[in-house]
Amino acid sequence: MFLGLLALGDALRPDAAETVRRLHVLGIRTSLVTGDNEQAAKYFARATGIEDVHARVLPAEKAALIRKLQETARVAMVGDGINDAPALMQADVGIAFGSGADIAIESADVIILSKQLGAVLVAYEISRNSYRKMVQNVSLAFLFNGLGIPAAATGLVYPIWGMVAMAASVTTIFINSLWGRGSYFFQAIKTVGQQTPQISDVAPAPA
């Protein structure tokens, strides 16, 4: 007599397909590397639009695969399991979720606290913006100092104007850093002096 059926499986994250699609629009190639069987791997790959699939991959083999991909491109690895730790360490950028295994979190370079896979795109945008601002600020600093120091050393400008130029340099870099992201600065100012909630502040009292 048939009593029942028990099936176990992983569920696809709701925003996985949209995240992969947006990565492809940005020109970023994607690969699915998993220790699961080929049938499960191909199913999830079709559901998300990933063409490059590697199934039944052991932890050490994941790191070796990442190393091979690094021969032709920079590689970011997204994972949250124990088996992903070696690959996260090998990748140029390891990205783990805060809800994942502790060893994966320790092995990653970026920790995403949100459970949404789309947060990977947010991290990508923040990193690109931060790098662009860093290059701009270094260029501005070299421009001000490259012109100001020789001028001050040769006596072409008075010391007081050198002080003004230095203040203008710092102010310009500060404004450039906040340009387009000023809300972050003001939000940080508002939190100064505010007490961080403790567990006892939000946890219900025991009955």
N, C-alpha and C. Protein backbone atom coordinates (compact mmCIF):
# COMPACT_ATOMS: atom_id res chain seq x y z
N MET A 1 0.85 -1.20 0.00
CA MET A 1 0.00 0.00 0.00
C MET A 1 0.88 1.25 0.00
N PHE A 2 0.56 2.19 -0.87
CA PHE A 2 1.32 3.43 -0.98
C PHE A 2 0.92 4.39 0.14
N LEU A 3 1.90 4.79 0.95
CA LEU A 3 1.62 5.65 2.11
C LEU A 3 1.94 7.12 1.87
N GLY A 4 2.89 7.37 1.02
CA GLY A 4 3.24 8.77 0.80
C GLY A 4 4.54 8.92 0.03
N LEU A 5 4.90 10.15 -0.26
CA LEU A 5 6.11 10.46 -1.03
C LEU A 5 6.79 11.66 -0.40
N LEU A 6 8.08 11.52 -0.18
CA LEU A 6 8.87 12.60 0.40
C LEU A 6 9.93 13.02 -0.61
N ALA A 7 9.94 14.30 -0.96
CA ALA A 7 10.91 14.83 -1.92
C ALA A 7 11.63 16.01 -1.31
N LEU A 8 12.95 16.06 -1.50
CA LEU A 8 13.78 17.15 -0.98
C LEU A 8 14.45 17.86 -2.15
N GLY A 9 14.57 19.16 -2.05
CA GLY A 9 15.21 19.90 -3.13
C GLY A 9 15.45 21.34 -2.74
N ASP A 10 16.26 22.02 -3.53
CA ASP A 10 16.56 23.44 -3.31
C ASP A 10 15.59 24.29 -4.13
N ALA A 11 15.22 25.41 -3.59
CA ALA A 11 14.33 26.33 -4.29
C ALA A 11 15.13 27.46 -4.92
N LEU A 12 14.72 27.89 -6.08
CA LEU A 12 15.38 28.99 -6.77
C LEU A 12 15.01 30.31 -6.11
N ARG A 13 16.00 31.16 -5.89
CA ARG A 13 15.71 32.47 -5.31
C ARG A 13 14.81 33.26 -6.25
N PRO A 14 13.83 33.99 -5.71
CA PRO A 14 12.84 34.67 -6.56
C PRO A 14 13.44 35.62 -7.59
N ASP A 15 14.52 36.30 -7.23
CA ASP A 15 15.10 37.28 -8.14
C ASP A 15 16.32 36.76 -8.88
N ALA A 16 16.53 35.46 -8.89
CA ALA A 16 17.73 34.89 -9.51
C ALA A 16 17.76 35.15 -11.02
N ALA A 17 16.66 34.85 -11.71
CA ALA A 17 16.63 35.01 -13.16
C ALA A 17 16.82 36.46 -13.57
N GLU A 18 16.18 37.39 -12.85
CA GLU A 18 16.31 38.81 -13.17
C GLU A 18 17.73 39.30 -12.90
N THR A 19 18.35 38.80 -11.85
CA THR A 19 19.72 39.20 -11.53
C THR A 19 20.68 38.74 -12.61
N VAL A 20 20.53 37.50 -13.06
CA VAL A 20 21.39 36.97 -14.12
C VAL A 20 21.18 37.76 -15.41
N ARG A 21 19.94 38.09 -15.71
CA ARG A 21 19.65 38.86 -16.93
C ARG A 21 20.34 40.22 -16.89
N ARG A 22 20.28 40.88 -15.74
CA ARG A 22 20.92 42.19 -15.61
C ARG A 22 22.43 42.10 -15.67
N LEU A 23 22.99 41.01 -15.16
CA LEU A 23 24.43 40.80 -15.27
C LEU A 23 24.84 40.64 -16.72
N HIS A 24 24.04 39.91 -17.49
CA HIS A 24 24.33 39.73 -18.91
C HIS A 24 24.24 41.05 -19.66
N VAL A 25 23.28 41.89 -19.28
CA VAL A 25 23.16 43.21 -19.92
C VAL A 25 24.41 44.04 -19.68
N LEU A 26 25.01 43.87 -18.50
CA LEU A 26 26.23 44.60 -18.17
C LEU A 26 27.47 44.00 -18.84
N GLY A 27 27.28 42.89 -19.56
CA GLY A 27 28.41 42.26 -20.23
C GLY A 27 29.19 41.31 -19.33
N ILE A 28 28.60 40.89 -18.23
CA ILE A 28 29.26 39.99 -17.29
C ILE A 28 28.81 38.56 -17.58
N ARG A 29 29.76 37.69 -17.85
CA ARG A 29 29.44 36.28 -18.11
C ARG A 29 29.17 35.56 -16.78
N THR A 30 28.27 34.62 -16.81
CA THR A 30 27.91 33.88 -15.60
C THR A 30 28.11 32.38 -15.81
N SER A 31 28.45 31.70 -14.74
CA SER A 31 28.61 30.25 -14.75
C SER A 31 27.97 29.69 -13.48
N LEU A 32 27.42 28.50 -13.60
CA LEU A 32 26.86 27.80 -12.46
C LEU A 32 27.79 26.65 -12.09
N VAL A 33 28.35 26.73 -10.89
CA VAL A 33 29.28 25.70 -10.41
C VAL A 33 28.67 25.11 -9.15
N THR A 34 28.35 23.84 -9.18
CA THR A 34 27.64 23.22 -8.06
C THR A 34 28.09 21.78 -7.86
N GLY A 35 27.90 21.33 -6.67
CA GLY A 35 28.19 19.93 -6.36
C GLY A 35 27.00 19.03 -6.59
N ASP A 36 25.85 19.60 -6.97
CA ASP A 36 24.65 18.81 -7.23
C ASP A 36 24.79 18.01 -8.53
N ASN A 37 23.85 17.11 -8.76
CA ASN A 37 23.90 16.30 -9.97
C ASN A 37 23.58 17.14 -11.20
N GLU A 38 23.86 16.58 -12.36
CA GLU A 38 23.72 17.32 -13.61
C GLU A 38 22.28 17.70 -13.91
N GLN A 39 21.34 16.82 -13.56
CA GLN A 39 19.94 17.11 -13.83
C GLN A 39 19.48 18.35 -13.08
N ALA A 40 19.81 18.42 -11.78
CA ALA A 40 19.43 19.58 -10.99
C ALA A 40 20.14 20.84 -11.47
N ALA A 41 21.42 20.71 -11.80
CA ALA A 41 22.20 21.86 -12.25
C ALA A 41 21.64 22.44 -13.54
N LYS A 42 21.31 21.56 -14.50
CA LYS A 42 20.77 22.03 -15.78
C LYS A 42 19.39 22.65 -15.60
N TYR A 43 18.61 22.13 -14.66
CA TYR A 43 17.28 22.69 -14.42
C TYR A 43 17.39 24.14 -13.93
N PHE A 44 18.23 24.38 -12.94
CA PHE A 44 18.39 25.73 -12.41
C PHE A 44 19.06 26.65 -13.42
N ALA A 45 19.96 26.10 -14.22
CA ALA A 45 20.62 26.91 -15.25
C ALA A 45 19.62 27.38 -16.29
N ARG A 46 18.74 26.50 -16.72
CA ARG A 46 17.71 26.89 -17.70
C ARG A 46 16.76 27.92 -17.10
N ALA A 47 16.43 27.76 -15.84
CA ALA A 47 15.49 28.68 -15.19
C ALA A 47 16.06 30.08 -15.05
N THR A 48 17.37 30.20 -14.95
CA THR A 48 18.00 31.50 -14.74
C THR A 48 18.67 32.06 -15.99
N GLY A 49 18.79 31.26 -17.03
CA GLY A 49 19.42 31.74 -18.26
C GLY A 49 20.94 31.60 -18.27
N ILE A 50 21.47 30.70 -17.47
CA ILE A 50 22.92 30.47 -17.43
C ILE A 50 23.26 29.32 -18.39
N GLU A 51 24.22 29.55 -19.28
CA GLU A 51 24.58 28.56 -20.28
C GLU A 51 25.77 27.69 -19.85
N ASP A 52 26.69 28.27 -19.10
CA ASP A 52 27.89 27.54 -18.68
C ASP A 52 27.60 26.83 -17.36
N VAL A 53 27.53 25.50 -17.37
CA VAL A 53 27.13 24.73 -16.20
C VAL A 53 28.20 23.70 -15.86
N HIS A 54 28.54 23.62 -14.58
CA HIS A 54 29.49 22.63 -14.08
C HIS A 54 28.85 21.94 -12.88
N ALA A 55 28.56 20.64 -13.02
CA ALA A 55 27.88 19.88 -11.97
C ALA A 55 28.83 18.87 -11.34
N ARG A 56 28.44 18.38 -10.18
CA ARG A 56 29.22 17.39 -9.41
C ARG A 56 30.66 17.85 -9.20
N VAL A 57 30.80 19.12 -8.82
CA VAL A 57 32.13 19.71 -8.63
C VAL A 57 32.47 19.70 -7.14
N LEU A 58 33.60 19.11 -6.80
CA LEU A 58 34.05 19.06 -5.41
C LEU A 58 34.62 20.43 -5.00
N PRO A 59 34.73 20.69 -3.68
CA PRO A 59 35.24 22.00 -3.22
C PRO A 59 36.60 22.37 -3.83
N ALA A 60 37.54 21.43 -3.84
CA ALA A 60 38.86 21.73 -4.41
C ALA A 60 38.77 21.97 -5.91
N GLU A 61 37.85 21.27 -6.56
CA GLU A 61 37.68 21.44 -8.01
C GLU A 61 37.07 22.80 -8.33
N LYS A 62 36.23 23.31 -7.43
CA LYS A 62 35.68 24.65 -7.63
C LYS A 62 36.79 25.69 -7.65
N ALA A 63 37.71 25.58 -6.71
CA ALA A 63 38.84 26.52 -6.67
C ALA A 63 39.70 26.38 -7.92
N ALA A 64 39.90 25.15 -8.38
CA ALA A 64 40.70 24.93 -9.60
C ALA A 64 40.01 25.53 -10.82
N LEU A 65 38.69 25.42 -10.88
CA LEU A 65 37.93 25.99 -11.99
C LEU A 65 38.03 27.51 -11.97
N ILE A 66 37.93 28.10 -10.79
CA ILE A 66 38.07 29.56 -10.67
C ILE A 66 39.46 29.98 -11.13
N ARG A 67 40.47 29.22 -10.75
CA ARG A 67 41.85 29.54 -11.13
C ARG A 67 42.01 29.49 -12.65
N LYS A 68 41.35 28.54 -13.29
CA LYS A 68 41.43 28.44 -14.75
C LYS A 68 40.74 29.62 -15.42
N LEU A 69 39.59 30.03 -14.88
CA LEU A 69 38.89 31.18 -15.44
C LEU A 69 39.69 32.47 -15.27
N GLN A 70 40.50 32.54 -14.22
CA GLN A 70 41.30 33.74 -13.97
C GLN A 70 42.42 33.93 -14.98
N GLU A 71 42.68 32.93 -15.78
CA GLU A 71 43.71 33.06 -16.81
C GLU A 71 43.28 34.03 -17.90
N THR A 72 41.99 34.22 -18.07
CA THR A 72 41.51 35.08 -19.14
C THR A 72 40.63 36.24 -18.65
N ALA A 73 40.25 36.22 -17.38
CA ALA A 73 39.35 37.28 -16.90
C ALA A 73 39.42 37.38 -15.38
N ARG A 74 38.92 38.47 -14.86
CA ARG A 74 38.76 38.61 -13.42
C ARG A 74 37.45 37.93 -13.02
N VAL A 75 37.50 37.24 -11.91
CA VAL A 75 36.38 36.37 -11.53
C VAL A 75 35.84 36.75 -10.16
N ALA A 76 34.52 36.85 -10.08
CA ALA A 76 33.83 37.03 -8.80
C ALA A 76 33.05 35.75 -8.52
N MET A 77 33.13 35.27 -7.30
CA MET A 77 32.45 34.05 -6.90
C MET A 77 31.39 34.39 -5.87
N VAL A 78 30.16 33.91 -6.09
CA VAL A 78 29.06 34.12 -5.15
C VAL A 78 28.68 32.76 -4.57
N GLY A 79 28.72 32.65 -3.26
CA GLY A 79 28.38 31.38 -2.62
C GLY A 79 28.12 31.58 -1.14
N ASP A 80 27.48 30.60 -0.53
CA ASP A 80 27.18 30.70 0.89
C ASP A 80 27.34 29.39 1.64
N GLY A 81 27.87 28.37 0.98
CA GLY A 81 28.00 27.07 1.61
C GLY A 81 29.42 26.75 2.04
N ILE A 82 29.56 25.71 2.83
CA ILE A 82 30.88 25.28 3.29
C ILE A 82 31.75 24.89 2.09
N ASN A 83 31.15 24.24 1.11
CA ASN A 83 31.91 23.79 -0.06
C ASN A 83 32.37 24.93 -0.95
N ASP A 84 31.82 26.14 -0.74
CA ASP A 84 32.19 27.29 -1.56
C ASP A 84 33.41 28.03 -1.03
N ALA A 85 33.84 27.72 0.19
CA ALA A 85 34.92 28.47 0.83
C ALA A 85 36.20 28.51 0.01
N PRO A 86 36.73 27.37 -0.49
CA PRO A 86 37.97 27.44 -1.27
C PRO A 86 37.84 28.32 -2.52
N ALA A 87 36.69 28.24 -3.20
CA ALA A 87 36.49 29.05 -4.40
C ALA A 87 36.35 30.53 -4.05
N LEU A 88 35.72 30.83 -2.94
CA LEU A 88 35.59 32.23 -2.50
C LEU A 88 36.96 32.84 -2.22
N MET A 89 37.85 32.06 -1.65
CA MET A 89 39.20 32.55 -1.36
C MET A 89 40.01 32.69 -2.63
N GLN A 90 39.79 31.82 -3.61
CA GLN A 90 40.57 31.85 -4.85
C GLN A 90 40.14 32.98 -5.77
N ALA A 91 38.86 33.32 -5.77
CA ALA A 91 38.34 34.32 -6.70
C ALA A 91 38.94 35.70 -6.43
N ASP A 92 38.93 36.53 -7.46
CA ASP A 92 39.40 37.91 -7.30
C ASP A 92 38.51 38.65 -6.29
N VAL A 93 37.23 38.36 -6.33
CA VAL A 93 36.29 38.92 -5.37
C VAL A 93 35.36 37.79 -4.92
N GLY A 94 35.40 37.48 -3.63
CA GLY A 94 34.51 36.48 -3.08
C GLY A 94 33.32 37.15 -2.42
N ILE A 95 32.12 36.74 -2.78
CA ILE A 95 30.90 37.36 -2.25
C ILE A 95 30.08 36.29 -1.55
N ALA A 96 29.78 36.51 -0.28
CA ALA A 96 28.99 35.56 0.51
C ALA A 96 27.81 36.27 1.13
N PHE A 97 26.82 35.49 1.50
CA PHE A 97 25.62 36.04 2.16
C PHE A 97 25.74 35.84 3.66
N GLY A 98 25.26 36.82 4.40
CA GLY A 98 25.35 36.77 5.85
C GLY A 98 24.60 35.61 6.46
N SER A 99 23.64 35.06 5.73
CA SER A 99 22.88 33.92 6.23
C SER A 99 23.55 32.59 5.91
N GLY A 100 24.72 32.64 5.27
CA GLY A 100 25.41 31.42 4.88
C GLY A 100 26.28 30.85 5.98
N ALA A 101 27.09 29.86 5.61
CA ALA A 101 27.97 29.19 6.56
C ALA A 101 29.06 30.15 7.04
N ASP A 102 29.50 29.97 8.27
CA ASP A 102 30.51 30.85 8.87
C ASP A 102 31.81 30.83 8.07
N ILE A 103 32.22 29.65 7.62
CA ILE A 103 33.49 29.55 6.89
C ILE A 103 33.40 30.26 5.55
N ALA A 104 32.23 30.27 4.94
CA ALA A 104 32.04 31.00 3.69
C ALA A 104 32.15 32.50 3.93
N ILE A 105 31.56 32.96 5.03
CA ILE A 105 31.63 34.38 5.37
C ILE A 105 33.06 34.82 5.64
N GLU A 106 33.82 33.97 6.35
CA GLU A 106 35.21 34.30 6.66
C GLU A 106 36.09 34.27 5.42
N SER A 107 35.71 33.50 4.43
CA SER A 107 36.53 33.37 3.22
C SER A 107 36.23 34.44 2.19
N ALA A 108 35.12 35.14 2.33
CA ALA A 108 34.69 36.11 1.32
C ALA A 108 35.28 37.49 1.56
N ASP A 109 35.30 38.29 0.50
CA ASP A 109 35.74 39.68 0.57
C ASP A 109 34.57 40.62 0.83
N VAL A 110 33.39 40.24 0.35
CA VAL A 110 32.19 41.06 0.48
C VAL A 110 31.10 40.21 1.13
N ILE A 111 30.45 40.76 2.15
CA ILE A 111 29.37 40.07 2.83
C ILE A 111 28.07 40.83 2.55
N ILE A 112 27.09 40.14 1.99
CA ILE A 112 25.79 40.74 1.70
C ILE A 112 24.82 40.33 2.79
N LEU A 113 24.31 41.30 3.52
CA LEU A 113 23.39 41.02 4.61
C LEU A 113 21.98 40.73 4.11
N SER A 114 21.64 41.29 2.96
CA SER A 114 20.32 41.03 2.40
C SER A 114 20.25 39.61 1.85
N LYS A 115 19.06 39.04 1.87
CA LYS A 115 18.86 37.70 1.33
C LYS A 115 18.53 37.73 -0.16
N GLN A 116 18.45 38.93 -0.73
CA GLN A 116 18.14 39.07 -2.14
C GLN A 116 19.40 38.93 -2.99
N LEU A 117 19.32 38.08 -4.01
CA LEU A 117 20.48 37.90 -4.89
C LEU A 117 20.78 39.17 -5.66
N GLY A 118 19.76 39.98 -5.88
CA GLY A 118 19.97 41.24 -6.59
C GLY A 118 20.90 42.20 -5.86
N ALA A 119 21.15 41.95 -4.57
CA ALA A 119 22.08 42.80 -3.83
C ALA A 119 23.50 42.71 -4.39
N VAL A 120 23.78 41.65 -5.14
CA VAL A 120 25.09 41.53 -5.80
C VAL A 120 25.29 42.68 -6.77
N LEU A 121 24.23 43.07 -7.47
CA LEU A 121 24.31 44.18 -8.40
C LEU A 121 24.52 45.50 -7.68
N VAL A 122 23.92 45.64 -6.50
CA VAL A 122 24.12 46.84 -5.69
C VAL A 122 25.57 46.94 -5.26
N ALA A 123 26.14 45.82 -4.82
CA ALA A 123 27.55 45.80 -4.42
C ALA A 123 28.45 46.13 -5.60
N TYR A 124 28.09 45.63 -6.76
CA TYR A 124 28.87 45.92 -7.98
C TYR A 124 28.85 47.41 -8.30
N GLU A 125 27.66 48.01 -8.20
CA GLU A 125 27.54 49.44 -8.49
C GLU A 125 28.32 50.27 -7.47
N ILE A 126 28.23 49.91 -6.19
CA ILE A 126 28.95 50.66 -5.15
C ILE A 126 30.45 50.56 -5.36
N SER A 127 30.94 49.39 -5.70
CA SER A 127 32.38 49.21 -5.89
C SER A 127 32.89 50.02 -7.09
N ARG A 128 32.13 50.00 -8.18
CA ARG A 128 32.54 50.78 -9.36
C ARG A 128 32.53 52.27 -9.05
N ASN A 129 31.52 52.74 -8.35
CA ASN A 129 31.44 54.15 -8.00
C ASN A 129 32.57 54.55 -7.06
N SER A 130 32.87 53.68 -6.08
CA SER A 130 33.94 53.97 -5.12
C SER A 130 35.29 54.04 -5.82
N TYR A 131 35.53 53.10 -6.73
CA TYR A 131 36.82 53.11 -7.46
C TYR A 131 36.94 54.35 -8.34
N ARG A 132 35.84 54.72 -9.00
CA ARG A 132 35.87 55.90 -9.86
C ARG A 132 36.14 57.16 -9.04
N LYS A 133 35.51 57.28 -7.87
CA LYS A 133 35.73 58.43 -7.01
C LYS A 133 37.17 58.47 -6.51
N MET A 134 37.73 57.29 -6.19
CA MET A 134 39.10 57.23 -5.71
C MET A 134 40.07 57.73 -6.77
N VAL A 135 39.89 57.29 -8.00
CA VAL A 135 40.75 57.73 -9.09
C VAL A 135 40.62 59.23 -9.31
N GLN A 136 39.39 59.73 -9.27
CA GLN A 136 39.17 61.17 -9.45
C GLN A 136 39.84 61.98 -8.34
N ASN A 137 39.71 61.53 -7.10
CA ASN A 137 40.29 62.27 -5.98
C ASN A 137 41.81 62.26 -6.01
N VAL A 138 42.40 61.12 -6.36
CA VAL A 138 43.86 61.07 -6.48
C VAL A 138 44.33 61.99 -7.59
N SER A 139 43.60 62.02 -8.69
CA SER A 139 43.97 62.90 -9.80
C SER A 139 43.88 64.37 -9.39
N LEU A 140 42.82 64.71 -8.66
CA LEU A 140 42.68 66.10 -8.18
C LEU A 140 43.80 66.47 -7.22
N ALA A 141 44.16 65.55 -6.34
CA ALA A 141 45.23 65.83 -5.38
C ALA A 141 46.56 66.06 -6.09
N PHE A 142 46.87 65.22 -7.08
CA PHE A 142 48.10 65.39 -7.84
C PHE A 142 48.08 66.68 -8.64
N LEU A 143 46.90 67.06 -9.14
CA LEU A 143 46.79 68.29 -9.91
C LEU A 143 47.08 69.51 -9.05
N PHE A 144 46.45 69.58 -7.88
CA PHE A 144 46.66 70.72 -6.99
C PHE A 144 48.10 70.78 -6.51
N ASN A 145 48.61 69.63 -6.05
CA ASN A 145 49.96 69.62 -5.50
C ASN A 145 51.03 69.74 -6.59
N GLY A 146 50.71 69.15 -7.77
CA GLY A 146 51.68 69.25 -8.86
C GLY A 146 51.89 70.67 -9.33
N LEU A 147 50.85 71.49 -9.23
CA LEU A 147 50.97 72.89 -9.62
C LEU A 147 51.38 73.77 -8.44
N GLY A 148 50.83 73.46 -7.25
CA GLY A 148 51.05 74.33 -6.11
C GLY A 148 52.43 74.24 -5.50
N ILE A 149 52.96 73.02 -5.35
CA ILE A 149 54.27 72.87 -4.71
C ILE A 149 55.39 73.54 -5.50
N PRO A 150 55.50 73.31 -6.83
CA PRO A 150 56.55 74.03 -7.58
C PRO A 150 56.37 75.55 -7.52
N ALA A 151 55.11 76.00 -7.57
CA ALA A 151 54.87 77.44 -7.53
C ALA A 151 55.29 78.03 -6.20
N ALA A 152 55.00 77.32 -5.10
CA ALA A 152 55.39 77.81 -3.78
C ALA A 152 56.89 77.73 -3.58
N ALA A 153 57.52 76.66 -4.10
CA ALA A 153 58.96 76.49 -3.92
C ALA A 153 59.77 77.53 -4.67
N THR A 154 59.26 77.99 -5.79
CA THR A 154 59.97 78.98 -6.60
C THR A 154 59.58 80.42 -6.25
N GLY A 155 58.68 80.57 -5.29
CA GLY A 155 58.30 81.90 -4.87
C GLY A 155 57.30 82.59 -5.77
N LEU A 156 56.64 81.84 -6.66
CA LEU A 156 55.67 82.45 -7.55
C LEU A 156 54.38 82.84 -6.83
N VAL A 157 54.12 82.19 -5.71
CA VAL A 157 52.91 82.51 -4.95
C VAL A 157 53.31 82.76 -3.49
N TYR A 158 52.54 83.60 -2.81
CA TYR A 158 52.77 83.85 -1.41
C TYR A 158 52.30 82.64 -0.59
N PRO A 159 52.90 82.41 0.59
CA PRO A 159 52.49 81.28 1.44
C PRO A 159 51.01 81.27 1.75
N ILE A 160 50.42 82.45 1.93
CA ILE A 160 49.00 82.52 2.26
C ILE A 160 48.15 81.94 1.15
N TRP A 161 48.57 82.18 -0.11
CA TRP A 161 47.82 81.62 -1.24
C TRP A 161 48.04 80.11 -1.34
N GLY A 162 49.17 79.65 -0.86
CA GLY A 162 49.40 78.21 -0.79
C GLY A 162 48.45 77.54 0.19
N MET A 163 48.21 78.22 1.33
CA MET A 163 47.25 77.70 2.31
C MET A 163 45.84 77.68 1.73
N VAL A 164 45.50 78.73 0.99
CA VAL A 164 44.18 78.78 0.36
C VAL A 164 44.02 77.66 -0.66
N ALA A 165 45.08 77.43 -1.43
CA ALA A 165 45.03 76.37 -2.44
C ALA A 165 44.87 74.99 -1.79
N MET A 166 45.55 74.79 -0.66
CA MET A 166 45.43 73.50 0.04
C MET A 166 44.01 73.30 0.56
N ALA A 167 43.43 74.36 1.12
CA ALA A 167 42.05 74.28 1.59
C ALA A 167 41.09 74.02 0.43
N ALA A 168 41.35 74.66 -0.70
CA ALA A 168 40.51 74.45 -1.88
C ALA A 168 40.63 73.02 -2.38
N SER A 169 41.85 72.46 -2.30
CA SER A 169 42.06 71.07 -2.73
C SER A 169 41.25 70.10 -1.88
N VAL A 170 41.34 70.27 -0.56
CA VAL A 170 40.61 69.38 0.35
C VAL A 170 39.11 69.52 0.14
N THR A 171 38.64 70.76 -0.01
CA THR A 171 37.21 71.01 -0.20
C THR A 171 36.72 70.40 -1.50
N THR A 172 37.51 70.53 -2.56
CA THR A 172 37.12 69.97 -3.86
C THR A 172 37.00 68.45 -3.80
N ILE A 173 37.97 67.81 -3.16
CA ILE A 173 37.94 66.35 -3.03
C ILE A 173 36.75 65.91 -2.18
N PHE A 174 36.47 66.67 -1.13
CA PHE A 174 35.35 66.34 -0.25
C PHE A 174 34.03 66.43 -1.02
N ILE A 175 33.85 67.50 -1.76
CA ILE A 175 32.61 67.68 -2.53
C ILE A 175 32.49 66.61 -3.61
N ASN A 176 33.60 66.30 -4.26
CA ASN A 176 33.57 65.27 -5.31
C ASN A 176 33.19 63.90 -4.73
N SER A 177 33.66 63.62 -3.52
CA SER A 177 33.33 62.34 -2.89
C SER A 177 31.85 62.22 -2.58
N LEU A 178 31.22 63.35 -2.23
CA LEU A 178 29.81 63.34 -1.89
C LEU A 178 28.90 63.52 -3.09
N TRP A 179 29.48 63.85 -4.24
CA TRP A 179 28.67 64.18 -5.41
C TRP A 179 27.83 62.97 -5.83
N GLY A 180 26.53 63.14 -5.81
CA GLY A 180 25.62 62.06 -6.18
C GLY A 180 25.30 61.11 -5.05
N ARG A 181 26.03 61.20 -3.92
CA ARG A 181 25.80 60.33 -2.78
C ARG A 181 25.75 61.13 -1.49
N GLY A 182 25.33 62.37 -1.58
CA GLY A 182 25.32 63.23 -0.41
C GLY A 182 24.41 62.75 0.70
N SER A 183 23.36 62.02 0.34
CA SER A 183 22.42 61.55 1.35
C SER A 183 23.10 60.61 2.34
N TYR A 184 24.11 59.84 1.88
CA TYR A 184 24.83 58.94 2.78
C TYR A 184 25.51 59.73 3.90
N PHE A 185 26.11 60.86 3.52
CA PHE A 185 26.84 61.68 4.49
C PHE A 185 25.88 62.25 5.54
N PHE A 186 24.76 62.80 5.07
CA PHE A 186 23.83 63.43 6.00
C PHE A 186 23.14 62.39 6.88
N GLN A 187 22.90 61.20 6.36
CA GLN A 187 22.33 60.14 7.17
C GLN A 187 23.30 59.72 8.26
N ALA A 188 24.60 59.68 7.91
CA ALA A 188 25.61 59.33 8.91
C ALA A 188 25.69 60.39 10.00
N ILE A 189 25.57 61.67 9.61
CA ILE A 189 25.61 62.76 10.59
C ILE A 189 24.45 62.64 11.56
N LYS A 190 23.27 62.27 11.05
CA LYS A 190 22.09 62.17 11.91
C LYS A 190 22.22 61.06 12.95
N THR A 191 23.01 60.04 12.64
CA THR A 191 23.14 58.91 13.58
C THR A 191 24.19 59.15 14.64
N VAL A 192 24.97 60.22 14.53
CA VAL A 192 26.01 60.51 15.51
C VAL A 192 25.37 60.79 16.87
N GLY A 193 25.82 60.07 17.88
CA GLY A 193 25.31 60.27 19.23
C GLY A 193 24.09 59.44 19.57
N GLN A 194 23.51 58.78 18.55
CA GLN A 194 22.36 57.95 18.82
C GLN A 194 22.80 56.59 19.34
N GLN A 195 22.07 56.07 20.32
CA GLN A 195 22.42 54.80 20.92
C GLN A 195 21.98 53.66 20.03
N THR A 196 22.88 52.71 19.81
CA THR A 196 22.56 51.53 19.01
C THR A 196 21.67 50.61 19.82
N PRO A 197 20.53 50.16 19.26
CA PRO A 197 19.64 49.28 20.02
C PRO A 197 20.34 48.00 20.43
N GLN A 198 20.15 47.61 21.66
CA GLN A 198 20.70 46.35 22.16
C GLN A 198 19.65 45.26 22.06
N ILE A 199 20.11 44.02 22.20
CA ILE A 199 19.19 42.90 22.08
C ILE A 199 18.09 43.00 23.12
N SER A 200 18.44 43.47 24.32
CA SER A 200 17.46 43.59 25.38
C SER A 200 16.42 44.65 25.09
N ASP A 201 16.77 45.61 24.16
CA ASP A 201 15.83 46.66 23.84
C ASP A 201 14.72 46.19 22.92
N VAL A 202 14.99 45.16 22.14
CA VAL A 202 14.02 44.74 21.14
C VAL A 202 13.45 43.35 21.42
N ALA A 203 14.10 42.59 22.28
CA ALA A 203 13.63 41.24 22.55
C ALA A 203 12.50 41.27 23.56
N PRO A 204 11.47 40.44 23.37
CA PRO A 204 10.36 40.42 24.34
C PRO A 204 10.80 39.85 25.67
N ALA A 205 10.19 40.34 26.71
CA ALA A 205 10.55 39.85 28.04
C ALA A 205 10.06 38.42 28.23
N PRO A 206 10.84 37.59 28.91
CA PRO A 206 10.42 36.21 29.11
C PRO A 206 9.14 36.14 29.95
N ALA A 207 8.29 35.17 29.62
CA ALA A 207 7.02 35.02 30.35
C ALA A 207 7.28 34.45 31.73
